[in-house]
Amino acid sequence: MMKNQSGLADPTAEAAISNILLKQYHTANRPLVCICISDPADAEEIRSRAVACCRYAVDLQRTPLVPQLYFPLFLEEPTSEEAREIIWQMSRQVLKNCRELWWFGEIPTERIKKEVKAGVYYGLEIRHFTLDGDEIPISA
């Protein structure tokens, strides 16, 4: 118990300091979450959805990563079969370092099914959301 200048217990100061330390801990220790988004038709829609999903993750005290948005940026032909395999290999490296995998959308694509399977293998918490941010329970 903290004590004031008179040597008496000061629970208010202790609670205030505990709250500050707890907030600092949670701000500094935001778990990494891999974000997967059901593929819309065009790249601009992927970007706008990714921004919204990442904002949602940040609001929930997470550090979001979106491999499907980031990795194609520096590959010459991001839609080729070889590039897809490279993106998948790099995505697995991201997954290994995340605590959670969140996927957004109604129907999982083959890519999302593959990422969820890898996430389960790596022991990640898997969460499913609508594009509006409503969580959908995952059946076992």
C-alpha atoms as a PDB file:
ATOM      1  CA  MET A   1       0.000   0.000   0.000  1.00  0.00           C
ATOM      2  CA  MET A   2       1.260   3.435  -0.875  1.00  0.00           C
ATOM      3  CA  LYS A   3       1.590   5.923   1.935  1.00  0.00           C
ATOM      4  CA  ASN A   4       1.217   9.675   1.912  1.00  0.00           C
ATOM      5  CA  GLN A   5       3.677  12.164   3.462  1.00  0.00           C
ATOM      6  CA  SER A   6       2.179  11.549   6.891  1.00  0.00           C
ATOM      7  CA  GLY A   7       2.785   7.808   6.601  1.00  0.00           C
ATOM      8  CA  LEU A   8      -0.907   6.965   6.245  1.00  0.00           C
ATOM      9  CA  ALA A   9      -2.259   4.559   3.627  1.00  0.00           C
ATOM     10  CA  ASP A  10      -3.232   6.330   0.397  1.00  0.00           C
ATOM     11  CA  PRO A  11      -5.446   3.994  -1.683  1.00  0.00           C
ATOM     12  CA  THR A  12      -6.473   6.781  -4.109  1.00  0.00           C
ATOM     13  CA  ALA A  13      -2.900   7.508  -5.183  1.00  0.00           C
ATOM     14  CA  GLU A  14      -2.173   3.785  -5.435  1.00  0.00           C
ATOM     15  CA  ALA A  15      -5.232   3.218  -7.637  1.00  0.00           C
ATOM     16  CA  ALA A  16      -4.311   6.175  -9.861  1.00  0.00           C
ATOM     17  CA  ILE A  17      -0.738   4.958 -10.349  1.00  0.00           C
ATOM     18  CA  SER A  18      -1.946   1.394 -10.985  1.00  0.00           C
ATOM     19  CA  ASN A  19      -4.333   2.658 -13.680  1.00  0.00           C
ATOM     20  CA  ILE A  20      -1.566   4.659 -15.364  1.00  0.00           C
ATOM     21  CA  LEU A  21       0.810   1.682 -15.331  1.00  0.00           C
ATOM     22  CA  LEU A  22      -1.886  -0.647 -16.650  1.00  0.00           C
ATOM     23  CA  LYS A  23      -2.712   1.736 -19.510  1.00  0.00           C
ATOM     24  CA  GLN A  24       1.000   2.059 -20.377  1.00  0.00           C
ATOM     25  CA  TYR A  25       1.361  -1.731 -20.375  1.00  0.00           C
ATOM     26  CA  HIS A  26      -1.610  -2.258 -22.690  1.00  0.00           C
ATOM     27  CA  THR A  27      -0.495   0.504 -25.052  1.00  0.00           C
ATOM     28  CA  ALA A  28       3.017  -0.916 -25.288  1.00  0.00           C
ATOM     29  CA  ASN A  29       1.877  -4.542 -25.540  1.00  0.00           C
ATOM     30  CA  ARG A  30      -0.667  -4.600 -28.320  1.00  0.00           C
ATOM     31  CA  PRO A  31      -0.728  -8.157 -29.682  1.00  0.00           C
ATOM     32  CA  LEU A  32      -0.064  -8.642 -33.392  1.00  0.00           C
ATOM     33  CA  VAL A  33      -3.113  -9.696 -35.367  1.00  0.00           C
ATOM     34  CA  CYS A  34      -3.048 -10.912 -38.963  1.00  0.00           C
ATOM     35  CA  ILE A  35      -6.003  -9.445 -40.873  1.00  0.00           C
ATOM     36  CA  CYS A  36      -7.498 -11.388 -43.805  1.00  0.00           C
ATOM     37  CA  ILE A  37     -10.235  -9.880 -45.959  1.00  0.00           C
ATOM     38  CA  SER A  38     -12.502 -11.696 -48.411  1.00  0.00           C
ATOM     39  CA  ASP A  39     -11.296 -10.558 -51.804  1.00  0.00           C
ATOM     40  CA  PRO A  40     -13.454  -7.885 -53.407  1.00  0.00           C
ATOM     41  CA  ALA A  41     -13.298  -7.273 -57.130  1.00  0.00           C
ATOM     42  CA  ASP A  42     -10.886  -4.353 -57.231  1.00  0.00           C
ATOM     43  CA  ALA A  43      -7.696  -3.259 -55.476  1.00  0.00           C
ATOM     44  CA  GLU A  44      -9.135   0.063 -54.277  1.00  0.00           C
ATOM     45  CA  GLU A  45     -11.914  -1.741 -52.426  1.00  0.00           C
ATOM     46  CA  ILE A  46      -9.343  -4.060 -50.802  1.00  0.00           C
ATOM     47  CA  ARG A  47      -7.431  -0.990 -49.587  1.00  0.00           C
ATOM     48  CA  SER A  48     -10.500   0.753 -48.195  1.00  0.00           C
ATOM     49  CA  ARG A  49     -11.675  -2.418 -46.441  1.00  0.00           C
ATOM     50  CA  ALA A  50      -8.180  -3.047 -45.073  1.00  0.00           C
ATOM     51  CA  VAL A  51      -8.002   0.468 -43.623  1.00  0.00           C
ATOM     52  CA  ALA A  52     -11.389   0.024 -41.917  1.00  0.00           C
ATOM     53  CA  CYS A  53     -10.473  -3.422 -40.553  1.00  0.00           C
ATOM     54  CA  CYS A  54      -7.101  -2.185 -39.280  1.00  0.00           C
ATOM     55  CA  ARG A  55      -8.720   0.832 -37.614  1.00  0.00           C
ATOM     56  CA  TYR A  56     -11.101  -1.574 -35.870  1.00  0.00           C
ATOM     57  CA  ALA A  57      -8.161  -3.700 -34.670  1.00  0.00           C
ATOM     58  CA  VAL A  58      -6.305  -0.628 -33.370  1.00  0.00           C
ATOM     59  CA  ASP A  59      -9.456   0.429 -31.511  1.00  0.00           C
ATOM     60  CA  LEU A  60      -9.380  -2.998 -29.839  1.00  0.00           C
ATOM     61  CA  GLN A  61      -5.751  -2.495 -28.715  1.00  0.00           C
ATOM     62  CA  ARG A  62      -4.171  -4.683 -31.421  1.00  0.00           C
ATOM     63  CA  THR A  63      -1.356  -4.157 -33.920  1.00  0.00           C
ATOM     64  CA  PRO A  64      -2.820  -5.158 -37.308  1.00  0.00           C
ATOM     65  CA  LEU A  65      -0.907  -6.626 -40.257  1.00  0.00           C
ATOM     66  CA  VAL A  66      -2.497  -7.238 -43.673  1.00  0.00           C
ATOM     67  CA  PRO A  67      -0.181  -9.455 -45.749  1.00  0.00           C
ATOM     68  CA  GLN A  68      -2.561  -9.590 -48.743  1.00  0.00           C
ATOM     69  CA  LEU A  69      -2.332  -5.818 -49.047  1.00  0.00           C
ATOM     70  CA  TYR A  70       1.327  -5.295 -48.225  1.00  0.00           C
ATOM     71  CA  PHE A  71       3.224  -8.099 -49.962  1.00  0.00           C
ATOM     72  CA  PRO A  72       1.867  -7.615 -53.519  1.00  0.00           C
ATOM     73  CA  LEU A  73       3.130  -4.013 -53.478  1.00  0.00           C
ATOM     74  CA  PHE A  74       6.718  -4.967 -54.204  1.00  0.00           C
ATOM     75  CA  LEU A  75       6.295  -7.966 -56.511  1.00  0.00           C
ATOM     76  CA  GLU A  76       6.507  -7.350 -60.250  1.00  0.00           C
ATOM     77  CA  GLU A  77       3.608  -9.629 -61.170  1.00  0.00           C
ATOM     78  CA  PRO A  78       1.614 -10.062 -57.952  1.00  0.00           C
ATOM     79  CA  THR A  79      -1.098 -12.159 -59.609  1.00  0.00           C
ATOM     80  CA  SER A  80       1.223 -14.797 -61.104  1.00  0.00           C
ATOM     81  CA  GLU A  81       1.283 -18.275 -59.577  1.00  0.00           C
ATOM     82  CA  GLU A  82       4.915 -17.823 -58.513  1.00  0.00           C
ATOM     83  CA  ALA A  83       4.123 -14.511 -56.793  1.00  0.00           C
ATOM     84  CA  ARG A  84       1.151 -16.073 -54.995  1.00  0.00           C
ATOM     85  CA  GLU A  85       3.424 -18.771 -53.614  1.00  0.00           C
ATOM     86  CA  ILE A  86       5.967 -16.169 -52.454  1.00  0.00           C
ATOM     87  CA  ILE A  87       3.166 -14.159 -50.819  1.00  0.00           C
ATOM     88  CA  TRP A  88       1.916 -17.317 -49.079  1.00  0.00           C
ATOM     89  CA  GLN A  89       5.416 -18.133 -47.764  1.00  0.00           C
ATOM     90  CA  MET A  90       5.817 -14.597 -46.402  1.00  0.00           C
ATOM     91  CA  SER A  91       2.301 -14.666 -44.937  1.00  0.00           C
ATOM     92  CA  ARG A  92       3.173 -17.824 -42.989  1.00  0.00           C
ATOM     93  CA  GLN A  93       6.139 -15.981 -41.480  1.00  0.00           C
ATOM     94  CA  VAL A  94       3.785 -13.217 -40.375  1.00  0.00           C
ATOM     95  CA  LEU A  95       1.338 -15.751 -38.932  1.00  0.00           C
ATOM     96  CA  LYS A  96       4.092 -17.361 -36.842  1.00  0.00           C
ATOM     97  CA  ASN A  97       4.625 -14.025 -35.079  1.00  0.00           C
ATOM     98  CA  CYS A  98       0.978 -13.125 -34.500  1.00  0.00           C
ATOM     99  CA  ARG A  99      -1.237 -13.967 -31.545  1.00  0.00           C
ATOM    100  CA  GLU A 100      -4.480 -13.811 -33.488  1.00  0.00           C
ATOM    101  CA  LEU A 101      -5.873 -14.156 -37.000  1.00  0.00           C
ATOM    102  CA  TRP A 102      -8.996 -12.197 -37.860  1.00  0.00           C
ATOM    103  CA  TRP A 103     -10.840 -12.682 -41.109  1.00  0.00           C
ATOM    104  CA  PHE A 104     -13.455 -10.302 -42.402  1.00  0.00           C
ATOM    105  CA  GLY A 105     -16.200 -11.180 -44.846  1.00  0.00           C
ATOM    106  CA  GLU A 106     -19.125 -13.501 -45.271  1.00  0.00           C
ATOM    107  CA  ILE A 107     -17.767 -16.409 -47.302  1.00  0.00           C
ATOM    108  CA  PRO A 108     -14.179 -17.601 -46.842  1.00  0.00           C
ATOM    109  CA  THR A 109     -12.120 -17.736 -50.015  1.00  0.00           C
ATOM    110  CA  GLU A 110      -9.691 -20.597 -50.590  1.00  0.00           C
ATOM    111  CA  ARG A 111      -6.869 -18.271 -49.487  1.00  0.00           C
ATOM    112  CA  ILE A 112      -8.656 -17.474 -46.222  1.00  0.00           C
ATOM    113  CA  LYS A 113      -9.344 -21.171 -45.580  1.00  0.00           C
ATOM    114  CA  LYS A 114      -5.629 -21.834 -46.078  1.00  0.00           C
ATOM    115  CA  GLU A 115      -4.630 -18.999 -43.727  1.00  0.00           C
ATOM    116  CA  VAL A 116      -7.115 -20.101 -41.045  1.00  0.00           C
ATOM    117  CA  LYS A 117      -5.781 -23.657 -41.266  1.00  0.00           C
ATOM    118  CA  ALA A 118      -2.217 -22.338 -40.826  1.00  0.00           C
ATOM    119  CA  GLY A 119      -3.365 -20.098 -37.962  1.00  0.00           C
ATOM    120  CA  VAL A 120      -4.875 -23.094 -36.179  1.00  0.00           C
ATOM    121  CA  TYR A 121      -1.633 -24.999 -36.752  1.00  0.00           C
ATOM    122  CA  TYR A 122       0.382 -22.156 -35.173  1.00  0.00           C
ATOM    123  CA  GLY A 123      -2.021 -21.975 -32.220  1.00  0.00           C
ATOM    124  CA  LEU A 124      -3.487 -18.550 -33.005  1.00  0.00           C
ATOM    125  CA  GLU A 125      -6.829 -17.349 -31.751  1.00  0.00           C
ATOM    126  CA  ILE A 126      -9.070 -17.251 -34.846  1.00  0.00           C
ATOM    127  CA  ARG A 127     -11.844 -14.665 -35.018  1.00  0.00           C
ATOM    128  CA  HIS A 128     -14.385 -14.042 -37.791  1.00  0.00           C
ATOM    129  CA  PHE A 129     -16.068 -10.668 -38.415  1.00  0.00           C
ATOM    130  CA  THR A 130     -18.523  -9.226 -40.879  1.00  0.00           C
ATOM    131  CA  LEU A 131     -17.210  -6.310 -42.935  1.00  0.00           C
ATOM    132  CA  ASP A 132     -19.122  -4.067 -40.508  1.00  0.00           C
ATOM    133  CA  GLY A 133     -17.078  -5.387 -37.557  1.00  0.00           C
ATOM    134  CA  ASP A 134     -19.692  -7.669 -35.997  1.00  0.00           C
ATOM    135  CA  GLU A 135     -18.068 -10.811 -34.649  1.00  0.00           C
ATOM    136  CA  ILE A 136     -19.429 -14.101 -35.928  1.00  0.00           C
ATOM    137  CA  PRO A 137     -18.991 -17.101 -33.609  1.00  0.00           C
ATOM    138  CA  ILE A 138     -16.807 -19.791 -35.116  1.00  0.00           C
ATOM    139  CA  SER A 139     -18.231 -23.285 -34.752  1.00  0.00           C
ATOM    140  CA  ALA A 140     -15.779 -25.972 -33.739  1.00  0.00           C
END
